[in-house]
């Protein structure tokens, strides 16, 4: 069996990370939402102010998967948390422990950094991933709903021009 190595993504890996993100977008049927360029990924991971980090899984010297993550903060715990944005293993390499190894690697990073939690989201139709995560012991955090502002709504809120609504003194 070829050795699996998980390494931190380094400058020069932006194209590879972009490739995995693009493959994930295809798998999740969200390619139409894929706007990021290789330059965007390079700036986000390796620019003057990195916003995220990534690790690459290499099997026998061949990149076969990745995980992209960033730190969040829990005010209730007073400690950071680690948020997994993306995890992807090439289809022909699934079922060989690579996804589990990537998650275990990130769990180790979370423990090393005194994180109070390690969390992520999964699409509700993605039963193979849901089973995989639950088999690892991950629990669905059902009482929280995700909200998102994008595009024009985000811009309107940023400029304070949302019409017909007030903040009710808050």
Protein backbone atom coordinates (compact mmCIF):
# COMPACT_ATOMS: atom_id res chain seq x y z
CA UNK A 1 0.00 0.00 0.00
CA UNK A 2 1.30 3.45 -0.92
CA UNK A 3 2.06 5.80 1.95
CA UNK A 4 -0.43 8.58 2.68
CA UNK A 5 1.11 11.93 3.57
CA UNK A 6 -0.93 14.92 4.69
CA UNK A 7 0.91 18.17 4.24
CA UNK A 8 0.11 21.83 4.69
CA UNK A 9 -0.62 23.56 1.40
CA UNK A 10 2.24 25.86 0.44
CA UNK A 11 2.66 28.77 -1.96
CA UNK A 12 2.54 27.23 -5.40
CA UNK A 13 -0.35 24.90 -4.42
CA UNK A 14 -3.14 27.38 -5.27
CA UNK A 15 -3.79 25.69 -8.63
CA UNK A 16 -4.07 22.29 -6.99
CA UNK A 17 -6.40 23.61 -4.28
CA UNK A 18 -8.49 25.30 -6.98
CA UNK A 19 -8.66 21.99 -8.89
CA UNK A 20 -10.03 20.20 -5.79
CA UNK A 21 -12.54 23.00 -5.11
CA UNK A 22 -13.74 22.81 -8.73
CA UNK A 23 -14.10 19.02 -8.47
CA UNK A 24 -16.05 19.44 -5.23
CA UNK A 25 -18.34 22.01 -6.89
CA UNK A 26 -19.04 19.49 -9.65
CA UNK A 27 -19.75 16.70 -7.11
CA UNK A 28 -22.09 18.95 -5.10
CA UNK A 29 -23.91 20.06 -8.29
CA UNK A 30 -22.89 23.63 -7.52
CA UNK A 31 -20.51 24.38 -10.37
CA UNK A 32 -22.78 27.29 -11.37
CA UNK A 33 -21.81 28.94 -8.05
CA UNK A 34 -18.05 28.39 -8.56
CA UNK A 35 -16.63 31.87 -9.13
CA UNK A 36 -13.24 31.54 -7.43
CA UNK A 37 -10.14 31.74 -9.58
CA UNK A 38 -6.73 30.31 -8.88
CA UNK A 39 -5.57 33.86 -8.06
CA UNK A 40 -8.43 34.24 -5.54
CA UNK A 41 -7.35 31.03 -3.83
CA UNK A 42 -3.71 32.09 -3.87
CA UNK A 43 -4.55 35.42 -2.17
CA UNK A 44 -6.89 33.79 0.35
CA UNK A 45 -4.40 31.14 1.42
CA UNK A 46 -1.02 32.80 0.90
CA UNK A 47 -1.64 36.55 0.60
CA UNK A 48 -0.70 39.33 3.00
CA UNK A 49 -3.64 38.37 5.26
CA UNK A 50 -4.48 34.68 4.84
CA UNK A 51 -8.15 33.93 5.49
CA UNK A 52 -7.95 30.16 5.39
CA UNK A 53 -5.53 27.25 5.41
CA UNK A 54 -5.49 23.98 3.52
CA UNK A 55 -3.93 20.56 3.76
CA UNK A 56 -3.28 18.20 0.88
CA UNK A 57 -3.43 14.40 1.04
CA UNK A 58 -0.76 12.79 -1.14
CA UNK A 59 -0.77 9.04 -1.73
CA UNK A 60 2.41 7.74 -3.28
CA UNK A 61 3.37 11.30 -4.20
CA UNK A 62 0.06 11.93 -6.02
CA UNK A 63 -2.38 14.55 -4.64
CA UNK A 64 -5.68 12.71 -3.96
CA UNK A 65 -7.63 15.02 -1.64
CA UNK A 66 -7.67 18.17 0.40
CA UNK A 67 -9.30 19.99 3.28
CA UNK A 68 -9.69 23.76 3.59
CA UNK A 69 -10.35 25.27 7.01
CA UNK A 70 -10.25 28.44 9.09
CA UNK A 71 -10.62 29.46 12.71
CA UNK A 72 -13.83 30.69 14.28
CA UNK A 73 -14.42 31.89 17.82
CA UNK A 74 -16.92 30.87 20.51
CA UNK A 75 -17.79 33.72 22.83
CA UNK A 76 -19.54 31.28 25.18
CA UNK A 77 -16.42 29.14 25.48
CA UNK A 78 -13.94 31.99 25.15
CA UNK A 79 -11.88 29.82 22.82
CA UNK A 80 -11.35 29.30 19.11
CA UNK A 81 -12.94 26.62 17.02
CA UNK A 82 -11.90 25.08 13.74
CA UNK A 83 -14.32 25.26 10.83
CA UNK A 84 -13.97 22.86 7.91
CA UNK A 85 -15.09 24.65 4.76
CA UNK A 86 -14.30 21.92 2.25
CA UNK A 87 -13.22 18.28 2.29
CA UNK A 88 -12.79 16.38 -0.95
CA UNK A 89 -11.18 13.12 -2.02
CA UNK A 90 -10.99 12.15 -5.67
CA UNK A 91 -13.66 9.51 -6.40
CA UNK A 92 -11.16 6.81 -7.39
CA UNK A 93 -9.42 7.18 -4.01
CA UNK A 94 -12.50 7.08 -1.77
CA UNK A 95 -13.04 4.27 0.69
CA UNK A 96 -9.32 4.04 1.48
CA UNK A 97 -9.28 6.07 4.71
CA UNK A 98 -8.13 9.33 3.14
CA UNK A 99 -11.13 11.42 4.24
CA UNK A 100 -10.84 10.02 7.74
CA UNK A 101 -7.11 10.78 7.79
CA UNK A 102 -7.77 14.37 6.67
CA UNK A 103 -10.39 14.84 9.40
CA UNK A 104 -8.13 13.25 12.01
CA UNK A 105 -5.32 15.59 10.94
CA UNK A 106 -7.61 18.61 11.36
CA UNK A 107 -8.86 17.29 14.71
CA UNK A 108 -5.22 17.19 15.80
CA UNK A 109 -4.76 20.81 14.71
CA UNK A 110 -7.89 21.75 16.66
CA UNK A 111 -6.62 20.01 19.80
CA UNK A 112 -3.14 21.56 19.45
CA UNK A 113 -4.74 25.01 19.22
CA UNK A 114 -7.06 24.50 22.23
CA UNK A 115 -10.16 24.70 20.04
CA UNK A 116 -13.45 24.10 21.80
CA UNK A 117 -15.02 22.57 18.70
CA UNK A 118 -14.48 21.33 15.17
CA UNK A 119 -17.47 21.81 12.92
CA UNK A 120 -18.68 21.84 9.33
CA UNK A 121 -21.83 21.65 7.25
CA UNK A 122 -22.99 19.03 4.80
CA UNK A 123 -25.67 19.19 2.13
CA UNK A 124 -28.85 17.44 3.29
CA UNK A 125 -28.94 15.15 0.24
CA UNK A 126 -25.36 13.93 0.70
CA UNK A 127 -26.16 10.68 2.50
CA UNK A 128 -22.72 9.05 1.97
CA UNK A 129 -21.01 11.99 3.69
CA UNK A 130 -23.61 12.16 6.45
CA UNK A 131 -23.09 8.45 7.22
CA UNK A 132 -19.31 8.92 7.09
CA UNK A 133 -19.40 11.85 9.55
CA UNK A 134 -21.81 10.11 11.92
CA UNK A 135 -19.67 6.95 11.89
CA UNK A 136 -16.79 9.12 13.13
CA UNK A 137 -18.93 10.24 16.06
CA UNK A 138 -19.91 13.65 14.69
CA UNK A 139 -23.32 14.85 15.85
CA UNK A 140 -25.82 16.85 13.84
CA UNK A 141 -26.34 20.23 15.49
CA UNK A 142 -30.02 20.52 14.59
CA UNK A 143 -31.21 23.49 16.59
CA UNK A 144 -29.16 26.04 14.64
CA UNK A 145 -30.22 27.40 11.25
CA UNK A 146 -27.74 28.83 8.77
CA UNK A 147 -28.44 32.28 7.37
CA UNK A 148 -26.53 33.92 4.55
CA UNK A 149 -26.39 37.32 2.90
CA UNK A 150 -24.92 37.57 -0.59
CA UNK A 151 -24.91 39.85 -3.59
CA UNK A 152 -27.28 42.82 -3.58
CA UNK A 153 -28.70 42.03 -0.14
CA UNK A 154 -25.21 42.06 1.37
CA UNK A 155 -24.36 45.32 -0.38
CA UNK A 156 -27.63 46.95 0.74
CA UNK A 157 -27.04 46.01 4.36
CA UNK A 158 -23.44 47.22 4.19
CA UNK A 159 -24.56 50.60 2.90
CA UNK A 160 -27.58 50.82 5.22
CA UNK A 161 -29.99 51.21 2.31
CA UNK A 162 -32.42 48.40 3.12
CA UNK A 163 -35.76 50.04 2.45
CA UNK A 164 -38.86 49.70 4.55
CA UNK A 165 -37.17 48.16 7.58
CA UNK A 166 -35.85 49.55 10.83
CA UNK A 167 -33.64 48.10 13.49
CA UNK A 168 -36.31 48.62 16.20
CA UNK A 169 -33.78 50.40 18.39
CA UNK A 170 -31.27 47.53 18.34
